[in-house]
Amino acid sequence: MLAKIYRPARNAMQSGAAKSQEWMLEFESETPRTVDPLMGWISNADTNTQVRMTFETREEAIDFARRQGIPFQVTEPRPAKRVIKSYAENFSAVRRRQWTH
């Protein structure tokens, strides 16, 4: 029962960074998913995949996993690539690319 400890990415549908500063502990599935033959729904007999725990810091999540004897894997967040642009660059005389439309 391996646990993943990670910090989730921000929601792509919003500009804010809510709920992306906390660390998550989530269990990976031990059994494969099965398809219900009648309805076609995908199900899993392992209920540990439904458990998600949040922690304020990475160290708190690691300490919890160690205290409970849970093997874990930590995934470090990648820094976001920010491209700062201004609207005025669309009309600049020294554009890097040609106007496309």
PDB file of N, CA and C in Angstrom:
ATOM      1  N   MET A   1       0.846  -1.162   0.000  1.00  0.00           N
ATOM      2  CA  MET A   1       0.000   0.000   0.000  1.00  0.00           C
ATOM      3  C   MET A   1       0.904   1.242   0.000  1.00  0.00           C
ATOM      4  N   LEU A   2       1.343   1.634  -1.176  1.00  0.00           N
ATOM      5  CA  LEU A   2       2.223   2.775  -1.346  1.00  0.00           C
ATOM      6  C   LEU A   2       1.406   4.059  -1.341  1.00  0.00           C
ATOM      7  N   ALA A   3       1.923   5.070  -0.664  1.00  0.00           N
ATOM      8  CA  ALA A   3       1.253   6.371  -0.617  1.00  0.00           C
ATOM      9  C   ALA A   3       2.060   7.385  -1.408  1.00  0.00           C
ATOM     10  N   LYS A   4       1.357   8.283  -2.101  1.00  0.00           N
ATOM     11  CA  LYS A   4       1.992   9.381  -2.817  1.00  0.00           C
ATOM     12  C   LYS A   4       1.837  10.629  -1.978  1.00  0.00           C
ATOM     13  N   ILE A   5       2.928  11.357  -1.810  1.00  0.00           N
ATOM     14  CA  ILE A   5       2.886  12.646  -1.136  1.00  0.00           C
ATOM     15  C   ILE A   5       3.281  13.679  -2.170  1.00  0.00           C
ATOM     16  N   TYR A   6       2.382  14.620  -2.432  1.00  0.00           N
ATOM     17  CA  TYR A   6       2.640  15.613  -3.468  1.00  0.00           C
ATOM     18  C   TYR A   6       1.885  16.897  -3.159  1.00  0.00           C
ATOM     19  N   ARG A   7       2.237  17.943  -3.868  1.00  0.00           N
ATOM     20  CA  ARG A   7       1.503  19.206  -3.778  1.00  0.00           C
ATOM     21  C   ARG A   7       0.762  19.374  -5.091  1.00  0.00           C
ATOM     22  N   PRO A   8      -0.587  19.445  -5.067  1.00  0.00           N
ATOM     23  CA  PRO A   8      -1.349  19.493  -6.318  1.00  0.00           C
ATOM     24  C   PRO A   8      -1.120  20.791  -7.081  1.00  0.00           C
ATOM     25  N   ALA A   9      -1.264  20.694  -8.384  1.00  0.00           N
ATOM     26  CA  ALA A   9      -1.147  21.872  -9.240  1.00  0.00           C
ATOM     27  C   ALA A   9      -2.387  22.737  -9.077  1.00  0.00           C
ATOM     28  N   ARG A  10      -2.261  23.995  -9.422  1.00  0.00           N
ATOM     29  CA  ARG A  10      -3.418  24.879  -9.308  1.00  0.00           C
ATOM     30  C   ARG A  10      -4.451  24.511 -10.361  1.00  0.00           C
ATOM     31  N   ASN A  11      -5.672  24.901 -10.115  1.00  0.00           N
ATOM     32  CA  ASN A  11      -6.760  24.632 -11.031  1.00  0.00           C
ATOM     33  C   ASN A  11      -6.552  25.440 -12.319  1.00  0.00           C
ATOM     34  N   ALA A  12      -6.603  24.799 -13.451  1.00  0.00           N
ATOM     35  CA  ALA A  12      -6.371  25.481 -14.724  1.00  0.00           C
ATOM     36  C   ALA A  12      -7.526  26.386 -15.118  1.00  0.00           C
ATOM     37  N   MET A  13      -8.682  26.222 -14.508  1.00  0.00           N
ATOM     38  CA  MET A  13      -9.843  27.017 -14.866  1.00  0.00           C
ATOM     39  C   MET A  13      -9.909  28.335 -14.102  1.00  0.00           C
ATOM     40  N   GLN A  14      -9.015  28.522 -13.129  1.00  0.00           N
ATOM     41  CA  GLN A  14      -9.038  29.738 -12.337  1.00  0.00           C
ATOM     42  C   GLN A  14      -7.630  30.310 -12.252  1.00  0.00           C
ATOM     43  N   SER A  15      -7.538  31.601 -12.027  1.00  0.00           N
ATOM     44  CA  SER A  15      -6.228  32.227 -11.953  1.00  0.00           C
ATOM     45  C   SER A  15      -5.633  32.147 -10.553  1.00  0.00           C
ATOM     46  N   GLY A  16      -6.432  31.851  -9.554  1.00  0.00           N
ATOM     47  CA  GLY A  16      -5.941  31.799  -8.180  1.00  0.00           C
ATOM     48  C   GLY A  16      -5.179  30.518  -7.892  1.00  0.00           C
ATOM     49  N   ALA A  17      -4.538  30.491  -6.750  1.00  0.00           N
ATOM     50  CA  ALA A  17      -3.743  29.335  -6.350  1.00  0.00           C
ATOM     51  C   ALA A  17      -4.309  28.674  -5.099  1.00  0.00           C
ATOM     52  N   ALA A  18      -5.621  28.727  -4.909  1.00  0.00           N
ATOM     53  CA  ALA A  18      -6.247  28.132  -3.734  1.00  0.00           C
ATOM     54  C   ALA A  18      -6.070  26.619  -3.747  1.00  0.00           C
ATOM     55  N   LYS A  19      -5.852  26.062  -2.589  1.00  0.00           N
ATOM     56  CA  LYS A  19      -5.683  24.625  -2.369  1.00  0.00           C
ATOM     57  C   LYS A  19      -4.466  24.040  -3.099  1.00  0.00           C
ATOM     58  N   SER A  20      -3.532  24.881  -3.509  1.00  0.00           N
ATOM     59  CA  SER A  20      -2.339  24.357  -4.156  1.00  0.00           C
ATOM     60  C   SER A  20      -1.109  24.536  -3.268  1.00  0.00           C
ATOM     61  N   GLN A  21      -1.299  25.078  -2.073  1.00  0.00           N
ATOM     62  CA  GLN A  21      -0.174  25.277  -1.165  1.00  0.00           C
ATOM     63  C   GLN A  21      -0.074  24.164  -0.127  1.00  0.00           C
ATOM     64  N   GLU A  22      -1.088  23.316  -0.029  1.00  0.00           N
ATOM     65  CA  GLU A  22      -1.052  22.237   0.949  1.00  0.00           C
ATOM     66  C   GLU A  22      -0.575  20.942   0.287  1.00  0.00           C
ATOM     67  N   TRP A  23      -0.085  20.029   1.084  1.00  0.00           N
ATOM     68  CA  TRP A  23       0.449  18.756   0.588  1.00  0.00           C
ATOM     69  C   TRP A  23      -0.591  17.670   0.771  1.00  0.00           C
ATOM     70  N   MET A  24      -0.676  16.766  -0.200  1.00  0.00           N
ATOM     71  CA  MET A  24      -1.666  15.684  -0.184  1.00  0.00           C
ATOM     72  C   MET A  24      -0.959  14.347   0.036  1.00  0.00           C
ATOM     73  N   LEU A  25      -1.601  13.475   0.794  1.00  0.00           N
ATOM     74  CA  LEU A  25      -1.176  12.083   0.926  1.00  0.00           C
ATOM     75  C   LEU A  25      -2.305  11.250   0.349  1.00  0.00           C
ATOM     76  N   GLU A  26      -1.994  10.464  -0.659  1.00  0.00           N
ATOM     77  CA  GLU A  26      -2.997   9.705  -1.402  1.00  0.00           C
ATOM     78  C   GLU A  26      -2.463   8.293  -1.622  1.00  0.00           C
ATOM     79  N   PHE A  27      -3.303   7.292  -1.480  1.00  0.00           N
ATOM     80  CA  PHE A  27      -2.879   5.907  -1.652  1.00  0.00           C
ATOM     81  C   PHE A  27      -3.040   5.460  -3.101  1.00  0.00           C
ATOM     82  N   GLU A  28      -2.091   4.678  -3.573  1.00  0.00           N
ATOM     83  CA  GLU A  28      -2.205   4.095  -4.905  1.00  0.00           C
ATOM     84  C   GLU A  28      -2.975   2.788  -4.814  1.00  0.00           C
ATOM     85  N   SER A  29      -3.613   2.424  -5.890  1.00  0.00           N
ATOM     86  CA  SER A  29      -4.449   1.229  -5.918  1.00  0.00           C
ATOM     87  C   SER A  29      -3.595  -0.035  -5.944  1.00  0.00           C
ATOM     88  N   GLU A  30      -4.010  -1.022  -5.160  1.00  0.00           N
ATOM     89  CA  GLU A  30      -3.315  -2.319  -5.152  1.00  0.00           C
ATOM     90  C   GLU A  30      -3.968  -3.305  -6.106  1.00  0.00           C
ATOM     91  N   THR A  31      -5.229  -3.083  -6.423  1.00  0.00           N
ATOM     92  CA  THR A  31      -5.939  -3.986  -7.323  1.00  0.00           C
ATOM     93  C   THR A  31      -6.278  -3.248  -8.610  1.00  0.00           C
ATOM     94  N   PRO A  32      -6.325  -3.950  -9.720  1.00  0.00           N
ATOM     95  CA  PRO A  32      -6.659  -3.261 -10.982  1.00  0.00           C
ATOM     96  C   PRO A  32      -8.132  -2.879 -11.029  1.00  0.00           C
ATOM     97  N   ARG A  33      -8.432  -1.886 -11.819  1.00  0.00           N
ATOM     98  CA  ARG A  33      -9.818  -1.472 -12.013  1.00  0.00           C
ATOM     99  C   ARG A  33     -10.543  -2.498 -12.870  1.00  0.00           C
ATOM    100  N   THR A  34     -11.841  -2.648 -12.619  1.00  0.00           N
ATOM    101  CA  THR A  34     -12.646  -3.586 -13.402  1.00  0.00           C
ATOM    102  C   THR A  34     -13.807  -2.818 -14.034  1.00  0.00           C
ATOM    103  N   VAL A  35     -14.253  -3.308 -15.160  1.00  0.00           N
ATOM    104  CA  VAL A  35     -15.369  -2.684 -15.872  1.00  0.00           C
ATOM    105  C   VAL A  35     -16.622  -3.506 -15.613  1.00  0.00           C
ATOM    106  N   ASP A  36     -17.683  -2.829 -15.174  1.00  0.00           N
ATOM    107  CA  ASP A  36     -18.960  -3.492 -14.958  1.00  0.00           C
ATOM    108  C   ASP A  36     -19.530  -3.900 -16.313  1.00  0.00           C
ATOM    109  N   PRO A  37     -19.851  -5.179 -16.521  1.00  0.00           N
ATOM    110  CA  PRO A  37     -20.301  -5.606 -17.839  1.00  0.00           C
ATOM    111  C   PRO A  37     -21.657  -5.030 -18.261  1.00  0.00           C
ATOM    112  N   LEU A  38     -22.520  -4.720 -17.307  1.00  0.00           N
ATOM    113  CA  LEU A  38     -23.845  -4.223 -17.652  1.00  0.00           C
ATOM    114  C   LEU A  38     -23.841  -2.718 -17.960  1.00  0.00           C
ATOM    115  N   MET A  39     -23.289  -1.928 -17.058  1.00  0.00           N
ATOM    116  CA  MET A  39     -23.344  -0.473 -17.193  1.00  0.00           C
ATOM    117  C   MET A  39     -22.094   0.127 -17.830  1.00  0.00           C
ATOM    118  N   GLY A  40     -20.970  -0.595 -17.757  1.00  0.00           N
ATOM    119  CA  GLY A  40     -19.738  -0.066 -18.306  1.00  0.00           C
ATOM    120  C   GLY A  40     -18.998   0.856 -17.358  1.00  0.00           C
ATOM    121  N   TRP A  41     -19.428   0.934 -16.095  1.00  0.00           N
ATOM    122  CA  TRP A  41     -18.761   1.777 -15.117  1.00  0.00           C
ATOM    123  C   TRP A  41     -17.457   1.127 -14.701  1.00  0.00           C
ATOM    124  N   ILE A  42     -16.502   1.950 -14.365  1.00  0.00           N
ATOM    125  CA  ILE A  42     -15.216   1.448 -13.893  1.00  0.00           C
ATOM    126  C   ILE A  42     -15.238   1.481 -12.372  1.00  0.00           C
ATOM    127  N   SER A  43     -14.881   0.353 -11.759  1.00  0.00           N
ATOM    128  CA  SER A  43     -14.898   0.278 -10.301  1.00  0.00           C
ATOM    129  C   SER A  43     -13.596  -0.325  -9.795  1.00  0.00           C
ATOM    130  N   ASN A  44     -13.413  -0.208  -8.491  1.00  0.00           N
ATOM    131  CA  ASN A  44     -12.219  -0.708  -7.850  1.00  0.00           C
ATOM    132  C   ASN A  44     -12.617  -1.249  -6.493  1.00  0.00           C
ATOM    133  N   ALA A  45     -12.102  -2.403  -6.135  1.00  0.00           N
ATOM    134  CA  ALA A  45     -12.436  -3.006  -4.853  1.00  0.00           C
ATOM    135  C   ALA A  45     -11.607  -2.421  -3.717  1.00  0.00           C
ATOM    136  N   ASP A  46     -10.556  -1.675  -4.048  1.00  0.00           N
ATOM    137  CA  ASP A  46      -9.668  -1.104  -3.046  1.00  0.00           C
ATOM    138  C   ASP A  46     -10.214   0.258  -2.598  1.00  0.00           C
ATOM    139  N   THR A  47     -10.699   0.346  -1.352  1.00  0.00           N
ATOM    140  CA  THR A  47     -11.283   1.601  -0.867  1.00  0.00           C
ATOM    141  C   THR A  47     -10.227   2.595  -0.397  1.00  0.00           C
ATOM    142  N   ASN A  48      -8.976   2.175  -0.277  1.00  0.00           N
ATOM    143  CA  ASN A  48      -7.925   3.108   0.148  1.00  0.00           C
ATOM    144  C   ASN A  48      -7.674   4.195  -0.888  1.00  0.00           C
ATOM    145  N   THR A  49      -8.047   3.963  -2.145  1.00  0.00           N
ATOM    146  CA  THR A  49      -7.842   4.980  -3.167  1.00  0.00           C
ATOM    147  C   THR A  49      -8.760   6.184  -2.962  1.00  0.00           C
ATOM    148  N   GLN A  50      -9.783   6.044  -2.129  1.00  0.00           N
ATOM    149  CA  GLN A  50     -10.704   7.141  -1.857  1.00  0.00           C
ATOM    150  C   GLN A  50     -10.194   8.061  -0.754  1.00  0.00           C
ATOM    151  N   VAL A  51      -9.143   7.649  -0.053  1.00  0.00           N
ATOM    152  CA  VAL A  51      -8.623   8.427   1.068  1.00  0.00           C
ATOM    153  C   VAL A  51      -7.623   9.459   0.565  1.00  0.00           C
ATOM    154  N   ARG A  52      -7.889  10.726   0.889  1.00  0.00           N
ATOM    155  CA  ARG A  52      -6.966  11.830   0.592  1.00  0.00           C
ATOM    156  C   ARG A  52      -6.826  12.650   1.851  1.00  0.00           C
ATOM    157  N   MET A  53      -5.591  12.809   2.292  1.00  0.00           N
ATOM    158  CA  MET A  53      -5.336  13.582   3.500  1.00  0.00           C
ATOM    159  C   MET A  53      -4.509  14.799   3.127  1.00  0.00           C
ATOM    160  N   THR A  54      -4.807  15.931   3.743  1.00  0.00           N
ATOM    161  CA  THR A  54      -4.065  17.153   3.459  1.00  0.00           C
ATOM    162  C   THR A  54      -3.237  17.542   4.675  1.00  0.00           C
ATOM    163  N   PHE A  55      -2.062  18.108   4.397  1.00  0.00           N
ATOM    164  CA  PHE A  55      -1.144  18.564   5.420  1.00  0.00           C
ATOM    165  C   PHE A  55      -0.621  19.937   5.022  1.00  0.00           C
ATOM    166  N   GLU A  56      -0.264  20.728   6.003  1.00  0.00           N
ATOM    167  CA  GLU A  56       0.238  22.066   5.709  1.00  0.00           C
ATOM    168  C   GLU A  56       1.647  22.039   5.131  1.00  0.00           C
ATOM    169  N   THR A  57       2.471  21.104   5.590  1.00  0.00           N
ATOM    170  CA  THR A  57       3.851  21.039   5.113  1.00  0.00           C
ATOM    171  C   THR A  57       4.185  19.628   4.649  1.00  0.00           C
ATOM    172  N   ARG A  58       5.247  19.539   3.878  1.00  0.00           N
ATOM    173  CA  ARG A  58       5.736  18.254   3.378  1.00  0.00           C
ATOM    174  C   ARG A  58       6.211  17.377   4.535  1.00  0.00           C
ATOM    175  N   GLU A  59       6.871  18.008   5.512  1.00  0.00           N
ATOM    176  CA  GLU A  59       7.413  17.258   6.652  1.00  0.00           C
ATOM    177  C   GLU A  59       6.311  16.638   7.501  1.00  0.00           C
ATOM    178  N   GLU A  60       5.177  17.337   7.645  1.00  0.00           N
ATOM    179  CA  GLU A  60       4.056  16.770   8.395  1.00  0.00           C
ATOM    180  C   GLU A  60       3.521  15.516   7.716  1.00  0.00           C
ATOM    181  N   ALA A  61       3.424  15.532   6.417  1.00  0.00           N
ATOM    182  CA  ALA A  61       2.926  14.368   5.679  1.00  0.00           C
ATOM    183  C   ALA A  61       3.901  13.199   5.797  1.00  0.00           C
ATOM    184  N   ILE A  62       5.187  13.485   5.697  1.00  0.00           N
ATOM    185  CA  ILE A  62       6.197  12.420   5.824  1.00  0.00           C
ATOM    186  C   ILE A  62       6.199  11.846   7.230  1.00  0.00           C
ATOM    187  N   ASP A  63       6.110  12.706   8.245  1.00  0.00           N
ATOM    188  CA  ASP A  63       6.077  12.227   9.628  1.00  0.00           C
ATOM    189  C   ASP A  63       4.860  11.350   9.884  1.00  0.00           C
ATOM    190  N   PHE A  64       3.707  11.733   9.340  1.00  0.00           N
ATOM    191  CA  PHE A  64       2.499  10.926   9.512  1.00  0.00           C
ATOM    192  C   PHE A  64       2.683   9.545   8.885  1.00  0.00           C
ATOM    193  N   ALA A  65       3.221   9.509   7.663  1.00  0.00           N
ATOM    194  CA  ALA A  65       3.409   8.226   6.987  1.00  0.00           C
ATOM    195  C   ALA A  65       4.392   7.346   7.746  1.00  0.00           C
ATOM    196  N   ARG A  66       5.436   7.943   8.268  1.00  0.00           N
ATOM    197  CA  ARG A  66       6.418   7.151   9.042  1.00  0.00           C
ATOM    198  C   ARG A  66       5.811   6.639  10.341  1.00  0.00           C
ATOM    199  N   ARG A  67       5.044   7.474  11.052  1.00  0.00           N
ATOM    200  CA  ARG A  67       4.413   7.036  12.303  1.00  0.00           C
ATOM    201  C   ARG A  67       3.450   5.881  12.078  1.00  0.00           C
ATOM    202  N   GLN A  68       2.734   5.904  10.945  1.00  0.00           N
ATOM    203  CA  GLN A  68       1.750   4.865  10.650  1.00  0.00           C
ATOM    204  C   GLN A  68       2.371   3.655   9.956  1.00  0.00           C
ATOM    205  N   GLY A  69       3.645   3.739   9.588  1.00  0.00           N
ATOM    206  CA  GLY A  69       4.306   2.628   8.916  1.00  0.00           C
ATOM    207  C   GLY A  69       3.886   2.470   7.468  1.00  0.00           C
ATOM    208  N   ILE A  70       3.555   3.555   6.820  1.00  0.00           N
ATOM    209  CA  ILE A  70       3.088   3.526   5.436  1.00  0.00           C
ATOM    210  C   ILE A  70       4.267   3.830   4.514  1.00  0.00           C
ATOM    211  N   PRO A  71       4.577   2.941   3.570  1.00  0.00           N
ATOM    212  CA  PRO A  71       5.625   3.293   2.596  1.00  0.00           C
ATOM    213  C   PRO A  71       5.123   4.419   1.695  1.00  0.00           C
ATOM    214  N   PHE A  72       6.010   5.367   1.391  1.00  0.00           N
ATOM    215  CA  PHE A  72       5.564   6.545   0.651  1.00  0.00           C
ATOM    216  C   PHE A  72       6.584   6.939  -0.399  1.00  0.00           C
ATOM    217  N   GLN A  73       6.123   7.752  -1.322  1.00  0.00           N
ATOM    218  CA  GLN A  73       6.951   8.320  -2.385  1.00  0.00           C
ATOM    219  C   GLN A  73       6.610   9.800  -2.469  1.00  0.00           C
ATOM    220  N   VAL A  74       7.625  10.659  -2.354  1.00  0.00           N
ATOM    221  CA  VAL A  74       7.414  12.104  -2.388  1.00  0.00           C
ATOM    222  C   VAL A  74       7.698  12.617  -3.790  1.00  0.00           C
ATOM    223  N   THR A  75       6.769  13.377  -4.338  1.00  0.00           N
ATOM    224  CA  THR A  75       6.933  14.016  -5.641  1.00  0.00           C
ATOM    225  C   THR A  75       7.038  15.512  -5.409  1.00  0.00           C
ATOM    226  N   GLU A  76       8.187  16.067  -5.767  1.00  0.00           N
ATOM    227  CA  GLU A  76       8.405  17.500  -5.586  1.00  0.00           C
ATOM    228  C   GLU A  76       7.687  18.274  -6.685  1.00  0.00           C
ATOM    229  N   PRO A  77       7.106  19.421  -6.351  1.00  0.00           N
ATOM    230  CA  PRO A  77       6.417  20.219  -7.380  1.00  0.00           C
ATOM    231  C   PRO A  77       7.416  20.903  -8.304  1.00  0.00           C
ATOM    232  N   ARG A  78       7.038  20.989  -9.563  1.00  0.00           N
ATOM    233  CA  ARG A  78       7.873  21.702 -10.528  1.00  0.00           C
ATOM    234  C   ARG A  78       7.488  23.178 -10.511  1.00  0.00           C
ATOM    235  N   PRO A  79       8.458  24.056 -10.635  1.00  0.00           N
ATOM    236  CA  PRO A  79       8.110  25.483 -10.655  1.00  0.00           C
ATOM    237  C   PRO A  79       7.349  25.836 -11.934  1.00  0.00           C
ATOM    238  N   ALA A  80       6.405  26.729 -11.801  1.00  0.00           N
ATOM    239  CA  ALA A  80       5.596  27.141 -12.946  1.00  0.00           C
ATOM    240  C   ALA A  80       6.409  28.059 -13.846  1.00  0.00           C
ATOM    241  N   LYS A  81       6.264  27.863 -15.147  1.00  0.00           N
ATOM    242  CA  LYS A  81       6.925  28.734 -16.108  1.00  0.00           C
ATOM    243  C   LYS A  81       6.012  29.921 -16.365  1.00  0.00           C
ATOM    244  N   ARG A  82       6.479  31.080 -16.038  1.00  0.00           N
ATOM    245  CA  ARG A  82       5.692  32.294 -16.210  1.00  0.00           C
ATOM    246  C   ARG A  82       6.247  33.084 -17.384  1.00  0.00           C
ATOM    247  N   VAL A  83       5.391  33.393 -18.327  1.00  0.00           N
ATOM    248  CA  VAL A  83       5.765  34.227 -19.460  1.00  0.00           C
ATOM    249  C   VAL A  83       5.025  35.540 -19.288  1.00  0.00           C
ATOM    250  N   ILE A  84       5.760  36.572 -18.976  1.00  0.00           N
ATOM    251  CA  ILE A  84       5.145  37.870 -18.726  1.00  0.00           C
ATOM    252  C   ILE A  84       5.054  38.616 -20.047  1.00  0.00           C
ATOM    253  N   LYS A  85       3.835  38.947 -20.421  1.00  0.00           N
ATOM    254  CA  LYS A  85       3.575  39.655 -21.670  1.00  0.00           C
ATOM    255  C   LYS A  85       2.688  40.848 -21.375  1.00  0.00           C
ATOM    256  N   SER A  86       2.745  41.804 -22.247  1.00  0.00           N
ATOM    257  CA  SER A  86       1.821  42.918 -22.143  1.00  0.00           C
ATOM    258  C   SER A  86       1.029  43.003 -23.446  1.00  0.00           C
ATOM    259  N   TYR A  87      -0.114  43.610 -23.366  1.00  0.00           N
ATOM    260  CA  TYR A  87      -0.964  43.751 -24.544  1.00  0.00           C
ATOM    261  C   TYR A  87      -0.294  44.641 -25.593  1.00  0.00           C
ATOM    262  N   ALA A  88       0.519  45.583 -25.153  1.00  0.00           N
ATOM    263  CA  ALA A  88       1.174  46.516 -26.079  1.00  0.00           C
ATOM    264  C   ALA A  88       2.175  45.819 -26.993  1.00  0.00           C
ATOM    265  N   GLU A  89       2.664  44.649 -26.591  1.00  0.00           N
ATOM    266  CA  GLU A  89       3.619  43.919 -27.431  1.00  0.00           C
ATOM    267  C   GLU A  89       2.993  43.454 -28.745  1.00  0.00           C
ATOM    268  N   ASN A  90       1.689  43.330 -28.797  1.00  0.00           N
ATOM    269  CA  ASN A  90       1.023  42.941 -30.046  1.00  0.00           C
ATOM    270  C   ASN A  90       1.218  43.978 -31.140  1.00  0.00           C
ATOM    271  N   PHE A  91       1.407  45.233 -30.756  1.00  0.00           N
ATOM    272  CA  PHE A  91       1.491  46.330 -31.718  1.00  0.00           C
ATOM    273  C   PHE A  91       2.888  46.939 -31.782  1.00  0.00           C
ATOM    274  N   SER A  92       3.867  46.277 -31.239  1.00  0.00           N
ATOM    275  CA  SER A  92       5.229  46.802 -31.217  1.00  0.00           C
ATOM    276  C   SER A  92       5.829  46.804 -32.622  1.00  0.00           C
ATOM    277  N   ALA A  93       6.660  47.789 -32.898  1.00  0.00           N
ATOM    278  CA  ALA A  93       7.314  47.879 -34.209  1.00  0.00           C
ATOM    279  C   ALA A  93       8.446  46.865 -34.336  1.00  0.00           C
ATOM    280  N   VAL A  94       8.961  46.381 -33.247  1.00  0.00           N
ATOM    281  CA  VAL A  94      10.072  45.419 -33.287  1.00  0.00           C
ATOM    282  C   VAL A  94       9.587  44.043 -32.806  1.00  0.00           C
ATOM    283  N   ARG A  95       8.509  43.575 -33.421  1.00  0.00           N
ATOM    284  CA  ARG A  95       7.967  42.263 -33.058  1.00  0.00           C
ATOM    285  C   ARG A  95       8.937  41.165 -33.451  1.00  0.00           C
ATOM    286  N   ARG A  96       9.001  40.136 -32.666  1.00  0.00           N
ATOM    287  CA  ARG A  96       9.859  38.987 -32.993  1.00  0.00           C
ATOM    288  C   ARG A  96       9.238  38.124 -34.064  1.00  0.00           C
ATOM    289  N   ARG A  97       7.921  38.021 -34.047  1.00  0.00           N
ATOM    290  CA  ARG A  97       7.205  37.207 -35.037  1.00  0.00           C
ATOM    291  C   ARG A  97       6.307  38.090 -35.862  1.00  0.00           C
ATOM    292  N   GLN A  98       5.965  37.635 -37.044  1.00  0.00           N
ATOM    293  CA  GLN A  98       5.071  38.396 -37.895  1.00  0.00           C
ATOM    294  C   GLN A  98       3.644  38.297 -37.397  1.00  0.00           C
ATOM    295  N   TRP A  99       2.850  39.251 -37.782  1.00  0.00           N
ATOM    296  CA  TRP A  99       1.435  39.246 -37.454  1.00  0.00           C
ATOM    297  C   TRP A  99       0.780  38.104 -38.220  1.00  0.00           C
ATOM    298  N   THR A 100      -0.033  37.296 -37.563  1.00  0.00           N
ATOM    299  CA  THR A 100      -0.512  36.057 -38.178  1.00  0.00           C
ATOM    300  C   THR A 100      -1.896  36.172 -38.794  1.00  0.00           C
ATOM    301  N   HIS A 101      -2.647  37.188 -38.500  1.00  0.00           N
ATOM    302  CA  HIS A 101      -3.992  37.242 -39.076  1.00  0.00           C
ATOM    303  C   HIS A 101      -4.406  38.604 -39.486  1.00  0.00           C
TER     304      HIS A 101
END
